[in-house]
Amino acid sequence: MVILMNEEVKLTNRSPKLKKDFMRRLKIVEGQVRGVEKMLEDDRYCGDVLIQISAINKSLKSLASEILRNHMATCVVKDIKSDNLDTIDEVIDLIRRLD
């Protein structure tokens, strides 16, 4: 845990491969968002814009699911093995927020 801007922040060490994969997926989403911006600038048809927004939502939801899976397989398992059962409530809250 570190202190950033007077706030405690938890950190997670991710493998370079995993971090690279997550960043690649975020770059794809970033490109999709820029594409929607261009579509709006070009006065593209509303239905086409909405389809692209839906694709962005699906991409983000997929990334969030993968990060949650990784979190449960690493951080949560580590916490439970250390008898930190508060992590269970945290995961339940995370799952609720992701929906």
PDB file of N, CA and C in Angstrom:
ATOM      1  N   MET A   1       0.847  -1.168   0.000  1.00  0.00           N
ATOM      2  CA  MET A   1       0.000   0.000   0.000  1.00  0.00           C
ATOM      3  C   MET A   1       0.896   1.235   0.000  1.00  0.00           C
ATOM      4  N   VAL A   2       0.497   2.248  -0.747  1.00  0.00           N
ATOM      5  CA  VAL A   2       1.244   3.503  -0.804  1.00  0.00           C
ATOM      6  C   VAL A   2       0.288   4.663  -0.562  1.00  0.00           C
ATOM      7  N   ILE A   3       0.855   5.802  -0.271  1.00  0.00           N
ATOM      8  CA  ILE A   3       0.056   7.005  -0.080  1.00  0.00           C
ATOM      9  C   ILE A   3       0.249   7.898  -1.303  1.00  0.00           C
ATOM     10  N   LEU A   4      -0.836   8.204  -2.006  1.00  0.00           N
ATOM     11  CA  LEU A   4      -0.821   9.108  -3.148  1.00  0.00           C
ATOM     12  C   LEU A   4      -1.831  10.203  -2.881  1.00  0.00           C
ATOM     13  N   MET A   5      -1.369  11.456  -2.944  1.00  0.00           N
ATOM     14  CA  MET A   5      -2.260  12.605  -2.723  1.00  0.00           C
ATOM     15  C   MET A   5      -3.064  12.442  -1.437  1.00  0.00           C
ATOM     16  N   ASN A   6      -2.378  12.094  -0.359  1.00  0.00           N
ATOM     17  CA  ASN A   6      -2.979  11.936   0.966  1.00  0.00           C
ATOM     18  C   ASN A   6      -4.038  10.836   1.020  1.00  0.00           C
ATOM     19  N   GLU A   7      -3.957   9.861   0.135  1.00  0.00           N
ATOM     20  CA  GLU A   7      -4.924   8.767   0.114  1.00  0.00           C
ATOM     21  C   GLU A   7      -4.176   7.440   0.028  1.00  0.00           C
ATOM     22  N   GLU A   8      -4.604   6.455   0.846  1.00  0.00           N
ATOM     23  CA  GLU A   8      -4.008   5.129   0.767  1.00  0.00           C
ATOM     24  C   GLU A   8      -4.463   4.447  -0.511  1.00  0.00           C
ATOM     25  N   VAL A   9      -3.509   3.887  -1.235  1.00  0.00           N
ATOM     26  CA  VAL A   9      -3.817   3.224  -2.498  1.00  0.00           C
ATOM     27  C   VAL A   9      -3.194   1.833  -2.475  1.00  0.00           C
ATOM     28  N   LYS A  10      -4.006   0.827  -2.766  1.00  0.00           N
ATOM     29  CA  LYS A  10      -3.500  -0.535  -2.872  1.00  0.00           C
ATOM     30  C   LYS A  10      -2.838  -0.696  -4.233  1.00  0.00           C
ATOM     31  N   LEU A  11      -1.792  -1.501  -4.275  1.00  0.00           N
ATOM     32  CA  LEU A  11      -1.106  -1.777  -5.534  1.00  0.00           C
ATOM     33  C   LEU A  11      -1.154  -3.273  -5.812  1.00  0.00           C
ATOM     34  N   THR A  12      -1.110  -3.614  -7.086  1.00  0.00           N
ATOM     35  CA  THR A  12      -1.066  -5.009  -7.515  1.00  0.00           C
ATOM     36  C   THR A  12       0.075  -5.172  -8.499  1.00  0.00           C
ATOM     37  N   ASN A  13       0.975  -6.090  -8.210  1.00  0.00           N
ATOM     38  CA  ASN A  13       2.047  -6.392  -9.159  1.00  0.00           C
ATOM     39  C   ASN A  13       1.511  -7.361 -10.198  1.00  0.00           C
ATOM     40  N   ARG A  14       1.551  -6.936 -11.456  1.00  0.00           N
ATOM     41  CA  ARG A  14       1.105  -7.783 -12.561  1.00  0.00           C
ATOM     42  C   ARG A  14       2.316  -8.169 -13.390  1.00  0.00           C
ATOM     43  N   SER A  15       2.248  -9.332 -13.985  1.00  0.00           N
ATOM     44  CA  SER A  15       3.345  -9.751 -14.850  1.00  0.00           C
ATOM     45  C   SER A  15       3.406  -8.810 -16.051  1.00  0.00           C
ATOM     46  N   PRO A  16       4.591  -8.645 -16.629  1.00  0.00           N
ATOM     47  CA  PRO A  16       4.694  -7.798 -17.824  1.00  0.00           C
ATOM     48  C   PRO A  16       3.767  -8.265 -18.946  1.00  0.00           C
ATOM     49  N   LYS A  17       3.604  -9.576 -19.090  1.00  0.00           N
ATOM     50  CA  LYS A  17       2.731 -10.112 -20.143  1.00  0.00           C
ATOM     51  C   LYS A  17       1.272  -9.718 -19.900  1.00  0.00           C
ATOM     52  N   LEU A  18       0.817  -9.861 -18.658  1.00  0.00           N
ATOM     53  CA  LEU A  18      -0.565  -9.521 -18.325  1.00  0.00           C
ATOM     54  C   LEU A  18      -0.795  -8.021 -18.484  1.00  0.00           C
ATOM     55  N   LYS A  19       0.139  -7.228 -17.986  1.00  0.00           N
ATOM     56  CA  LYS A  19       0.017  -5.778 -18.099  1.00  0.00           C
ATOM     57  C   LYS A  19      -0.036  -5.362 -19.566  1.00  0.00           C
ATOM     58  N   LYS A  20       0.808  -5.988 -20.384  1.00  0.00           N
ATOM     59  CA  LYS A  20       0.834  -5.684 -21.819  1.00  0.00           C
ATOM     60  C   LYS A  20      -0.510  -6.029 -22.466  1.00  0.00           C
ATOM     61  N   ASP A  21      -1.088  -7.163 -22.084  1.00  0.00           N
ATOM     62  CA  ASP A  21      -2.390  -7.564 -22.633  1.00  0.00           C
ATOM     63  C   ASP A  21      -3.481  -6.580 -22.234  1.00  0.00           C
ATOM     64  N   PHE A  22      -3.534  -6.205 -20.960  1.00  0.00           N
ATOM     65  CA  PHE A  22      -4.544  -5.248 -20.506  1.00  0.00           C
ATOM     66  C   PHE A  22      -4.383  -3.908 -21.222  1.00  0.00           C
ATOM     67  N   MET A  23      -3.144  -3.450 -21.370  1.00  0.00           N
ATOM     68  CA  MET A  23      -2.893  -2.170 -22.030  1.00  0.00           C
ATOM     69  C   MET A  23      -3.273  -2.237 -23.519  1.00  0.00           C
ATOM     70  N   ARG A  24      -2.984  -3.368 -24.162  1.00  0.00           N
ATOM     71  CA  ARG A  24      -3.351  -3.536 -25.570  1.00  0.00           C
ATOM     72  C   ARG A  24      -4.869  -3.423 -25.733  1.00  0.00           C
ATOM     73  N   ARG A  25      -5.586  -4.070 -24.845  1.00  0.00           N
ATOM     74  CA  ARG A  25      -7.042  -4.038 -24.922  1.00  0.00           C
ATOM     75  C   ARG A  25      -7.578  -2.631 -24.673  1.00  0.00           C
ATOM     76  N   LEU A  26      -6.959  -1.894 -23.757  1.00  0.00           N
ATOM     77  CA  LEU A  26      -7.376  -0.509 -23.521  1.00  0.00           C
ATOM     78  C   LEU A  26      -7.104   0.373 -24.738  1.00  0.00           C
ATOM     79  N   LYS A  27      -5.991   0.127 -25.411  1.00  0.00           N
ATOM     80  CA  LYS A  27      -5.674   0.895 -26.621  1.00  0.00           C
ATOM     81  C   LYS A  27      -6.729   0.641 -27.705  1.00  0.00           C
ATOM     82  N   ILE A  28      -7.215  -0.584 -27.787  1.00  0.00           N
ATOM     83  CA  ILE A  28      -8.281  -0.899 -28.748  1.00  0.00           C
ATOM     84  C   ILE A  28      -9.524  -0.093 -28.415  1.00  0.00           C
ATOM     85  N   VAL A  29      -9.900  -0.060 -27.135  1.00  0.00           N
ATOM     86  CA  VAL A  29     -11.063   0.725 -26.710  1.00  0.00           C
ATOM     87  C   VAL A  29     -10.843   2.199 -27.027  1.00  0.00           C
ATOM     88  N   GLU A  30      -9.646   2.690 -26.762  1.00  0.00           N
ATOM     89  CA  GLU A  30      -9.329   4.083 -27.065  1.00  0.00           C
ATOM     90  C   GLU A  30      -9.538   4.371 -28.552  1.00  0.00           C
ATOM     91  N   GLY A  31      -9.106   3.458 -29.404  1.00  0.00           N
ATOM     92  CA  GLY A  31      -9.312   3.609 -30.843  1.00  0.00           C
ATOM     93  C   GLY A  31     -10.784   3.593 -31.212  1.00  0.00           C
ATOM     94  N   GLN A  32     -11.548   2.743 -30.544  1.00  0.00           N
ATOM     95  CA  GLN A  32     -12.983   2.681 -30.803  1.00  0.00           C
ATOM     96  C   GLN A  32     -13.651   4.007 -30.427  1.00  0.00           C
ATOM     97  N   VAL A  33     -13.239   4.576 -29.301  1.00  0.00           N
ATOM     98  CA  VAL A  33     -13.817   5.852 -28.858  1.00  0.00           C
ATOM     99  C   VAL A  33     -13.469   6.946 -29.856  1.00  0.00           C
ATOM    100  N   ARG A  34     -12.231   6.967 -30.312  1.00  0.00           N
ATOM    101  CA  ARG A  34     -11.851   7.965 -31.328  1.00  0.00           C
ATOM    102  C   ARG A  34     -12.663   7.770 -32.602  1.00  0.00           C
ATOM    103  N   GLY A  35     -12.962   6.522 -32.931  1.00  0.00           N
ATOM    104  CA  GLY A  35     -13.792   6.245 -34.094  1.00  0.00           C
ATOM    105  C   GLY A  35     -15.196   6.810 -33.943  1.00  0.00           C
ATOM    106  N   VAL A  36     -15.758   6.693 -32.760  1.00  0.00           N
ATOM    107  CA  VAL A  36     -17.089   7.255 -32.502  1.00  0.00           C
ATOM    108  C   VAL A  36     -17.038   8.778 -32.574  1.00  0.00           C
ATOM    109  N   GLU A  37     -15.995   9.371 -32.045  1.00  0.00           N
ATOM    110  CA  GLU A  37     -15.835  10.831 -32.151  1.00  0.00           C
ATOM    111  C   GLU A  37     -15.844  11.267 -33.611  1.00  0.00           C
ATOM    112  N   LYS A  38     -15.112  10.528 -34.434  1.00  0.00           N
ATOM    113  CA  LYS A  38     -15.048  10.849 -35.870  1.00  0.00           C
ATOM    114  C   LYS A  38     -16.413  10.668 -36.518  1.00  0.00           C
ATOM    115  N   MET A  39     -17.108   9.604 -36.125  1.00  0.00           N
ATOM    116  CA  MET A  39     -18.436   9.373 -36.682  1.00  0.00           C
ATOM    117  C   MET A  39     -19.366  10.541 -36.360  1.00  0.00           C
ATOM    118  N   LEU A  40     -19.298  11.038 -35.133  1.00  0.00           N
ATOM    119  CA  LEU A  40     -20.149  12.164 -34.743  1.00  0.00           C
ATOM    120  C   LEU A  40     -19.751  13.435 -35.483  1.00  0.00           C
ATOM    121  N   GLU A  41     -18.447  13.652 -35.630  1.00  0.00           N
ATOM    122  CA  GLU A  41     -17.986  14.820 -36.389  1.00  0.00           C
ATOM    123  C   GLU A  41     -18.472  14.762 -37.833  1.00  0.00           C
ATOM    124  N   ASP A  42     -18.555  13.552 -38.375  1.00  0.00           N
ATOM    125  CA  ASP A  42     -18.965  13.357 -39.776  1.00  0.00           C
ATOM    126  C   ASP A  42     -20.474  13.207 -39.937  1.00  0.00           C
ATOM    127  N   ASP A  43     -21.216  13.414 -38.848  1.00  0.00           N
ATOM    128  CA  ASP A  43     -22.679  13.310 -38.876  1.00  0.00           C
ATOM    129  C   ASP A  43     -23.170  11.948 -39.356  1.00  0.00           C
ATOM    130  N   ARG A  44     -22.485  10.905 -38.897  1.00  0.00           N
ATOM    131  CA  ARG A  44     -22.899   9.555 -39.276  1.00  0.00           C
ATOM    132  C   ARG A  44     -24.245   9.211 -38.660  1.00  0.00           C
ATOM    133  N   TYR A  45     -24.916   8.259 -39.244  1.00  0.00           N
ATOM    134  CA  TYR A  45     -26.245   7.807 -38.842  1.00  0.00           C
ATOM    135  C   TYR A  45     -26.241   7.339 -37.382  1.00  0.00           C
ATOM    136  N   CYS A  46     -27.265   7.757 -36.651  1.00  0.00           N
ATOM    137  CA  CYS A  46     -27.361   7.459 -35.206  1.00  0.00           C
ATOM    138  C   CYS A  46     -27.233   5.966 -34.910  1.00  0.00           C
ATOM    139  N   GLY A  47     -27.910   5.146 -35.682  1.00  0.00           N
ATOM    140  CA  GLY A  47     -27.865   3.700 -35.455  1.00  0.00           C
ATOM    141  C   GLY A  47     -26.455   3.155 -35.551  1.00  0.00           C
ATOM    142  N   ASP A  48     -25.687   3.641 -36.530  1.00  0.00           N
ATOM    143  CA  ASP A  48     -24.302   3.193 -36.689  1.00  0.00           C
ATOM    144  C   ASP A  48     -23.446   3.615 -35.488  1.00  0.00           C
ATOM    145  N   VAL A  49     -23.673   4.833 -35.002  1.00  0.00           N
ATOM    146  CA  VAL A  49     -22.930   5.321 -33.832  1.00  0.00           C
ATOM    147  C   VAL A  49     -23.268   4.470 -32.610  1.00  0.00           C
ATOM    148  N   LEU A  50     -24.551   4.177 -32.432  1.00  0.00           N
ATOM    149  CA  LEU A  50     -24.967   3.375 -31.281  1.00  0.00           C
ATOM    150  C   LEU A  50     -24.381   1.968 -31.321  1.00  0.00           C
ATOM    151  N   ILE A  51     -24.274   1.392 -32.501  1.00  0.00           N
ATOM    152  CA  ILE A  51     -23.667   0.063 -32.629  1.00  0.00           C
ATOM    153  C   ILE A  51     -22.208   0.105 -32.193  1.00  0.00           C
ATOM    154  N   GLN A  52     -21.512   1.161 -32.574  1.00  0.00           N
ATOM    155  CA  GLN A  52     -20.109   1.289 -32.177  1.00  0.00           C
ATOM    156  C   GLN A  52     -19.981   1.512 -30.667  1.00  0.00           C
ATOM    157  N   ILE A  53     -20.886   2.275 -30.095  1.00  0.00           N
ATOM    158  CA  ILE A  53     -20.875   2.479 -28.643  1.00  0.00           C
ATOM    159  C   ILE A  53     -21.130   1.156 -27.932  1.00  0.00           C
ATOM    160  N   SER A  54     -22.025   0.357 -28.466  1.00  0.00           N
ATOM    161  CA  SER A  54     -22.286  -0.964 -27.901  1.00  0.00           C
ATOM    162  C   SER A  54     -21.028  -1.830 -27.951  1.00  0.00           C
ATOM    163  N   ALA A  55     -20.286  -1.756 -29.039  1.00  0.00           N
ATOM    164  CA  ALA A  55     -19.040  -2.520 -29.169  1.00  0.00           C
ATOM    165  C   ALA A  55     -18.023  -2.074 -28.114  1.00  0.00           C
ATOM    166  N   ILE A  56     -17.970  -0.769 -27.856  1.00  0.00           N
ATOM    167  CA  ILE A  56     -17.068  -0.249 -26.822  1.00  0.00           C
ATOM    168  C   ILE A  56     -17.466  -0.803 -25.457  1.00  0.00           C
ATOM    169  N   ASN A  57     -18.758  -0.758 -25.166  1.00  0.00           N
ATOM    170  CA  ASN A  57     -19.241  -1.296 -23.883  1.00  0.00           C
ATOM    171  C   ASN A  57     -18.875  -2.764 -23.723  1.00  0.00           C
ATOM    172  N   LYS A  58     -19.034  -3.547 -24.780  1.00  0.00           N
ATOM    173  CA  LYS A  58     -18.696  -4.970 -24.717  1.00  0.00           C
ATOM    174  C   LYS A  58     -17.206  -5.167 -24.494  1.00  0.00           C
ATOM    175  N   SER A  59     -16.395  -4.367 -25.168  1.00  0.00           N
ATOM    176  CA  SER A  59     -14.939  -4.459 -24.986  1.00  0.00           C
ATOM    177  C   SER A  59     -14.547  -4.146 -23.548  1.00  0.00           C
ATOM    178  N   LEU A  60     -15.117  -3.092 -22.991  1.00  0.00           N
ATOM    179  CA  LEU A  60     -14.805  -2.722 -21.613  1.00  0.00           C
ATOM    180  C   LEU A  60     -15.295  -3.774 -20.626  1.00  0.00           C
ATOM    181  N   LYS A  61     -16.472  -4.306 -20.880  1.00  0.00           N
ATOM    182  CA  LYS A  61     -17.025  -5.334 -19.985  1.00  0.00           C
ATOM    183  C   LYS A  61     -16.157  -6.602 -20.020  1.00  0.00           C
ATOM    184  N   SER A  62     -15.680  -6.953 -21.203  1.00  0.00           N
ATOM    185  CA  SER A  62     -14.804  -8.107 -21.339  1.00  0.00           C
ATOM    186  C   SER A  62     -13.484  -7.884 -20.591  1.00  0.00           C
ATOM    187  N   LEU A  63     -12.918  -6.706 -20.716  1.00  0.00           N
ATOM    188  CA  LEU A  63     -11.687  -6.381 -20.007  1.00  0.00           C
ATOM    189  C   LEU A  63     -11.919  -6.403 -18.499  1.00  0.00           C
ATOM    190  N   ALA A  64     -13.013  -5.820 -18.051  1.00  0.00           N
ATOM    191  CA  ALA A  64     -13.328  -5.819 -16.619  1.00  0.00           C
ATOM    192  C   ALA A  64     -13.475  -7.247 -16.092  1.00  0.00           C
ATOM    193  N   SER A  65     -14.101  -8.107 -16.860  1.00  0.00           N
ATOM    194  CA  SER A  65     -14.264  -9.509 -16.444  1.00  0.00           C
ATOM    195  C   SER A  65     -12.919 -10.200 -16.318  1.00  0.00           C
ATOM    196  N   GLU A  66     -12.026  -9.925 -17.245  1.00  0.00           N
ATOM    197  CA  GLU A  66     -10.701 -10.537 -17.205  1.00  0.00           C
ATOM    198  C   GLU A  66      -9.893 -10.011 -16.017  1.00  0.00           C
ATOM    199  N   ILE A  67      -9.992  -8.727 -15.742  1.00  0.00           N
ATOM    200  CA  ILE A  67      -9.290  -8.159 -14.583  1.00  0.00           C
ATOM    201  C   ILE A  67      -9.878  -8.734 -13.293  1.00  0.00           C
ATOM    202  N   LEU A  68     -11.191  -8.887 -13.216  1.00  0.00           N
ATOM    203  CA  LEU A  68     -11.822  -9.489 -12.044  1.00  0.00           C
ATOM    204  C   LEU A  68     -11.371 -10.937 -11.875  1.00  0.00           C
ATOM    205  N   ARG A  69     -11.341 -11.687 -12.964  1.00  0.00           N
ATOM    206  CA  ARG A  69     -10.884 -13.084 -12.889  1.00  0.00           C
ATOM    207  C   ARG A  69      -9.465 -13.150 -12.333  1.00  0.00           C
ATOM    208  N   ASN A  70      -8.599 -12.297 -12.865  1.00  0.00           N
ATOM    209  CA  ASN A  70      -7.218 -12.262 -12.404  1.00  0.00           C
ATOM    210  C   ASN A  70      -7.141 -11.839 -10.936  1.00  0.00           C
ATOM    211  N   HIS A  71      -7.947 -10.862 -10.564  1.00  0.00           N
ATOM    212  CA  HIS A  71      -7.974 -10.387  -9.174  1.00  0.00           C
ATOM    213  C   HIS A  71      -8.356 -11.517  -8.229  1.00  0.00           C
ATOM    214  N   MET A  72      -9.365 -12.272  -8.616  1.00  0.00           N
ATOM    215  CA  MET A  72      -9.817 -13.369  -7.759  1.00  0.00           C
ATOM    216  C   MET A  72      -8.776 -14.480  -7.672  1.00  0.00           C
ATOM    217  N   ALA A  73      -8.100 -14.742  -8.791  1.00  0.00           N
ATOM    218  CA  ALA A  73      -7.117 -15.821  -8.819  1.00  0.00           C
ATOM    219  C   ALA A  73      -5.820 -15.456  -8.094  1.00  0.00           C
ATOM    220  N   THR A  74      -5.577 -14.170  -7.909  1.00  0.00           N
ATOM    221  CA  THR A  74      -4.319 -13.767  -7.276  1.00  0.00           C
ATOM    222  C   THR A  74      -4.575 -13.078  -5.935  1.00  0.00           C
ATOM    223  N   CYS A  75      -5.032 -11.859  -5.977  1.00  0.00           N
ATOM    224  CA  CYS A  75      -5.189 -11.037  -4.763  1.00  0.00           C
ATOM    225  C   CYS A  75      -6.154 -11.667  -3.762  1.00  0.00           C
ATOM    226  N   VAL A  76      -7.303 -12.098  -4.239  1.00  0.00           N
ATOM    227  CA  VAL A  76      -8.319 -12.633  -3.330  1.00  0.00           C
ATOM    228  C   VAL A  76      -7.837 -13.940  -2.713  1.00  0.00           C
ATOM    229  N   VAL A  77      -7.258 -14.804  -3.512  1.00  0.00           N
ATOM    230  CA  VAL A  77      -6.733 -16.069  -2.973  1.00  0.00           C
ATOM    231  C   VAL A  77      -5.669 -15.789  -1.920  1.00  0.00           C
ATOM    232  N   LYS A  78      -4.777 -14.853  -2.209  1.00  0.00           N
ATOM    233  CA  LYS A  78      -3.719 -14.481  -1.258  1.00  0.00           C
ATOM    234  C   LYS A  78      -4.331 -13.968   0.045  1.00  0.00           C
ATOM    235  N   ASP A  79      -5.331 -13.089  -0.060  1.00  0.00           N
ATOM    236  CA  ASP A  79      -5.981 -12.540   1.138  1.00  0.00           C
ATOM    237  C   ASP A  79      -6.654 -13.632   1.957  1.00  0.00           C
ATOM    238  N   ILE A  80      -7.361 -14.524   1.298  1.00  0.00           N
ATOM    239  CA  ILE A  80      -8.064 -15.594   2.021  1.00  0.00           C
ATOM    240  C   ILE A  80      -7.064 -16.517   2.708  1.00  0.00           C
ATOM    241  N   LYS A  81      -5.969 -16.829   2.022  1.00  0.00           N
ATOM    242  CA  LYS A  81      -4.933 -17.664   2.643  1.00  0.00           C
ATOM    243  C   LYS A  81      -4.314 -16.970   3.854  1.00  0.00           C
ATOM    244  N   SER A  82      -4.339 -15.639   3.857  1.00  0.00           N
ATOM    245  CA  SER A  82      -3.807 -14.860   4.977  1.00  0.00           C
ATOM    246  C   SER A  82      -4.890 -14.559   6.020  1.00  0.00           C
ATOM    247  N   ASP A  83      -6.026 -15.233   5.896  1.00  0.00           N
ATOM    248  CA  ASP A  83      -7.164 -15.047   6.811  1.00  0.00           C
ATOM    249  C   ASP A  83      -7.758 -13.646   6.764  1.00  0.00           C
ATOM    250  N   ASN A  84      -7.591 -12.946   5.663  1.00  0.00           N
ATOM    251  CA  ASN A  84      -8.234 -11.640   5.476  1.00  0.00           C
ATOM    252  C   ASN A  84      -9.543 -11.887   4.742  1.00  0.00           C
ATOM    253  N   LEU A  85     -10.572 -12.216   5.496  1.00  0.00           N
ATOM    254  CA  LEU A  85     -11.855 -12.572   4.900  1.00  0.00           C
ATOM    255  C   LEU A  85     -12.677 -11.348   4.505  1.00  0.00           C
ATOM    256  N   ASP A  86     -12.224 -10.151   4.865  1.00  0.00           N
ATOM    257  CA  ASP A  86     -12.901  -8.921   4.417  1.00  0.00           C
ATOM    258  C   ASP A  86     -12.885  -8.820   2.895  1.00  0.00           C
ATOM    259  N   THR A  87     -11.937  -9.489   2.288  1.00  0.00           N
ATOM    260  CA  THR A  87     -11.823  -9.442   0.835  1.00  0.00           C
ATOM    261  C   THR A  87     -13.055 -10.036   0.155  1.00  0.00           C
ATOM    262  N   ILE A  88     -13.763 -10.924   0.822  1.00  0.00           N
ATOM    263  CA  ILE A  88     -14.964 -11.529   0.248  1.00  0.00           C
ATOM    264  C   ILE A  88     -16.035 -10.460   0.034  1.00  0.00           C
ATOM    265  N   ASP A  89     -16.233  -9.614   1.035  1.00  0.00           N
ATOM    266  CA  ASP A  89     -17.198  -8.516   0.891  1.00  0.00           C
ATOM    267  C   ASP A  89     -16.774  -7.562  -0.221  1.00  0.00           C
ATOM    268  N   GLU A  90     -15.476  -7.320  -0.321  1.00  0.00           N
ATOM    269  CA  GLU A  90     -14.956  -6.444  -1.381  1.00  0.00           C
ATOM    270  C   GLU A  90     -15.275  -7.009  -2.761  1.00  0.00           C
ATOM    271  N   VAL A  91     -15.085  -8.310  -2.942  1.00  0.00           N
ATOM    272  CA  VAL A  91     -15.354  -8.941  -4.240  1.00  0.00           C
ATOM    273  C   VAL A  91     -16.845  -8.906  -4.555  1.00  0.00           C
ATOM    274  N   ILE A  92     -17.676  -9.149  -3.571  1.00  0.00           N
ATOM    275  CA  ILE A  92     -19.122  -9.085  -3.794  1.00  0.00           C
ATOM    276  C   ILE A  92     -19.518  -7.682  -4.241  1.00  0.00           C
ATOM    277  N   ASP A  93     -18.949  -6.671  -3.594  1.00  0.00           N
ATOM    278  CA  ASP A  93     -19.226  -5.286  -3.979  1.00  0.00           C
ATOM    279  C   ASP A  93     -18.730  -5.010  -5.401  1.00  0.00           C
ATOM    280  N   LEU A  94     -17.553  -5.506  -5.736  1.00  0.00           N
ATOM    281  CA  LEU A  94     -17.025  -5.320  -7.095  1.00  0.00           C
ATOM    282  C   LEU A  94     -17.935  -5.936  -8.135  1.00  0.00           C
ATOM    283  N   ILE A  95     -18.398  -7.148  -7.885  1.00  0.00           N
ATOM    284  CA  ILE A  95     -19.281  -7.831  -8.832  1.00  0.00           C
ATOM    285  C   ILE A  95     -20.573  -7.052  -9.013  1.00  0.00           C
ATOM    286  N   ARG A  96     -21.122  -6.543  -7.931  1.00  0.00           N
ATOM    287  CA  ARG A  96     -22.336  -5.732  -8.033  1.00  0.00           C
ATOM    288  C   ARG A  96     -22.104  -4.481  -8.889  1.00  0.00           C
ATOM    289  N   ARG A  97     -20.963  -3.843  -8.708  1.00  0.00           N
ATOM    290  CA  ARG A  97     -20.667  -2.617  -9.450  1.00  0.00           C
ATOM    291  C   ARG A  97     -20.423  -2.885 -10.937  1.00  0.00           C
ATOM    292  N   LEU A  98     -19.946  -4.071 -11.266  1.00  0.00           N
ATOM    293  CA  LEU A  98     -19.650  -4.386 -12.660  1.00  0.00           C
ATOM    294  C   LEU A  98     -20.906  -4.637 -13.489  1.00  0.00           C
ATOM    295  N   ASP A  99     -21.996  -4.911 -12.851  1.00  0.00           N
ATOM    296  CA  ASP A  99     -23.207  -5.236 -13.592  1.00  0.00           C
ATOM    297  C   ASP A  99     -23.891  -4.013 -14.135  1.00  0.00           C
TER     298      ASP A  99
END
